[in-house]
Structures are given as structure tokens and as C-alpha cells.
Amino acid sequence: MKIPTLSELDTFSQVDIKTVDPAQLVDIREVAVNTDLPKEERILDFIRQVHNPYCFRHGKIVVKIGFSESAEHTTLEEQFESYLRSL
């Protein structure tokens, strides 16, 4: 199984969900990672199945994942709370 290069991962992260063809994205509900594998192999298994770990579908909904370089907030709950406070 080929490990994506940093360049490939960067390209994956730049996908625009407004212009991507949803039919070309993997439905995350169809991904089944073998939990018996070691952590690194589970990650590779997930990437192999989903193709782009930053952009995929859940049914008809296109999902794009991004990561903050800020260490100020570390949990999803803290990030969400910070977002709500900024409104």
C-alpha cells in the first residue's frame, strides 16, 4: 500500500467542496477499517479506502476536514465553543 507524499496530502487538502464532483468521492459509510491492524496500518487502510482523507461523502453530504495549527484549543468542544463566542 502506497503512503501518500506530503505533496499529495497537500493536494488532497486543497479540494474545493463547492466544485468537487460528489460522485467521485467515497461514501465514508462504506469504509470499514480492520481494527485488528496496528495503528499505522489502520491509518493506511483508511486512506487506501477513502482515497482523500480530507474530503469524502456521507450519503449526499460532502464533508471536508481541516486542521488548525493553533494549539490554543485542543478539543472539538473547545473549538466549537470558541466559534460560538466569536459570533
Protein backbone atom coordinates (compact mmCIF):
# COMPACT_ATOMS: atom_id res chain seq x y z
CA MET A 1 0.00 0.00 0.00
CA LYS A 2 1.49 3.34 -1.08
CA ILE A 3 1.85 6.04 1.56
CA PRO A 4 0.76 9.45 0.23
CA THR A 5 3.53 12.01 -0.09
CA LEU A 6 3.30 15.36 1.68
CA SER A 7 2.64 16.93 -1.71
CA GLU A 8 -0.24 14.53 -2.37
CA LEU A 9 -1.70 15.17 1.08
CA ASP A 10 -1.45 18.92 0.46
CA THR A 11 -3.28 18.48 -2.85
CA PHE A 12 -5.97 16.41 -1.12
CA SER A 13 -6.43 19.13 1.50
CA GLN A 14 -6.94 21.80 -1.18
CA VAL A 15 -10.04 20.20 -2.73
CA ASP A 16 -12.87 22.73 -3.03
CA ILE A 17 -16.13 21.20 -1.83
CA LYS A 18 -18.05 23.71 -3.95
CA THR A 19 -16.59 22.35 -7.19
CA VAL A 20 -15.75 18.71 -6.40
CA ASP A 21 -17.91 16.06 -8.07
CA PRO A 22 -19.64 14.22 -5.20
CA ALA A 23 -19.95 11.12 -7.38
CA GLN A 24 -16.13 10.90 -7.37
CA LEU A 25 -15.94 10.87 -3.57
CA VAL A 26 -16.06 7.77 -1.38
CA ASP A 27 -19.03 7.43 0.95
CA ILE A 28 -17.49 7.18 4.42
CA ARG A 29 -20.25 4.74 5.43
CA GLU A 30 -18.70 2.19 3.06
CA VAL A 31 -15.27 2.38 4.71
CA ALA A 32 -14.57 -0.45 7.13
CA VAL A 33 -11.14 -0.30 8.73
CA ASN A 34 -9.75 -3.51 10.20
CA THR A 35 -9.36 -2.63 13.89
CA ASP A 36 -7.11 -5.65 14.43
CA LEU A 37 -4.33 -3.93 12.48
CA PRO A 38 -1.65 -1.86 14.23
CA LYS A 39 -2.34 1.90 14.32
CA GLU A 40 -0.14 2.84 11.35
CA GLU A 41 -1.65 0.11 9.20
CA ARG A 42 -5.19 1.17 10.19
CA ILE A 43 -4.39 4.71 9.04
CA LEU A 44 -3.06 3.42 5.73
CA ASP A 45 -6.08 1.13 5.35
CA PHE A 46 -8.40 4.11 5.89
CA ILE A 47 -6.52 6.25 3.35
CA ARG A 48 -6.48 3.39 0.84
CA GLN A 49 -10.25 3.06 1.09
CA VAL A 50 -11.27 6.71 1.28
CA HIS A 51 -8.59 7.94 -1.19
CA ASN A 52 -8.75 11.52 0.09
CA PRO A 53 -8.78 11.68 3.91
CA TYR A 54 -9.68 15.39 3.74
CA CYS A 55 -12.77 15.14 1.53
CA PHE A 56 -15.38 12.42 1.27
CA ARG A 57 -19.15 11.93 1.35
CA HIS A 58 -21.62 10.84 3.99
CA GLY A 59 -24.59 9.95 1.82
CA LYS A 60 -25.33 13.04 -0.26
CA ILE A 61 -23.37 15.36 2.04
CA VAL A 62 -19.82 16.33 1.05
CA VAL A 63 -17.53 16.52 4.08
CA LYS A 64 -14.21 18.36 4.16
CA ILE A 65 -11.90 18.07 7.14
CA GLY A 66 -9.28 20.64 8.04
CA PHE A 67 -6.88 21.04 10.90
CA SER A 68 -5.92 24.14 12.81
CA GLU A 69 -2.29 24.83 13.50
CA SER A 70 -3.30 26.68 16.65
CA ALA A 71 -2.69 24.83 19.90
CA GLU A 72 -4.92 27.27 21.79
CA HIS A 73 -7.92 24.89 21.68
CA THR A 74 -7.35 21.18 21.58
CA THR A 75 -10.77 19.54 21.58
CA LEU A 76 -13.71 19.77 19.20
CA GLU A 77 -15.84 21.06 22.05
CA GLU A 78 -13.37 23.85 22.81
CA GLN A 79 -13.13 24.76 19.12
CA PHE A 80 -16.92 24.86 18.82
CA GLU A 81 -17.26 26.94 21.97
CA SER A 82 -14.66 29.38 20.66
CA TYR A 83 -16.53 29.62 17.36
CA LEU A 84 -19.85 30.31 19.10
CA ARG A 85 -18.26 33.02 21.26
CA SER A 86 -16.93 34.70 18.12
CA LEU A 87 -20.41 35.15 16.63
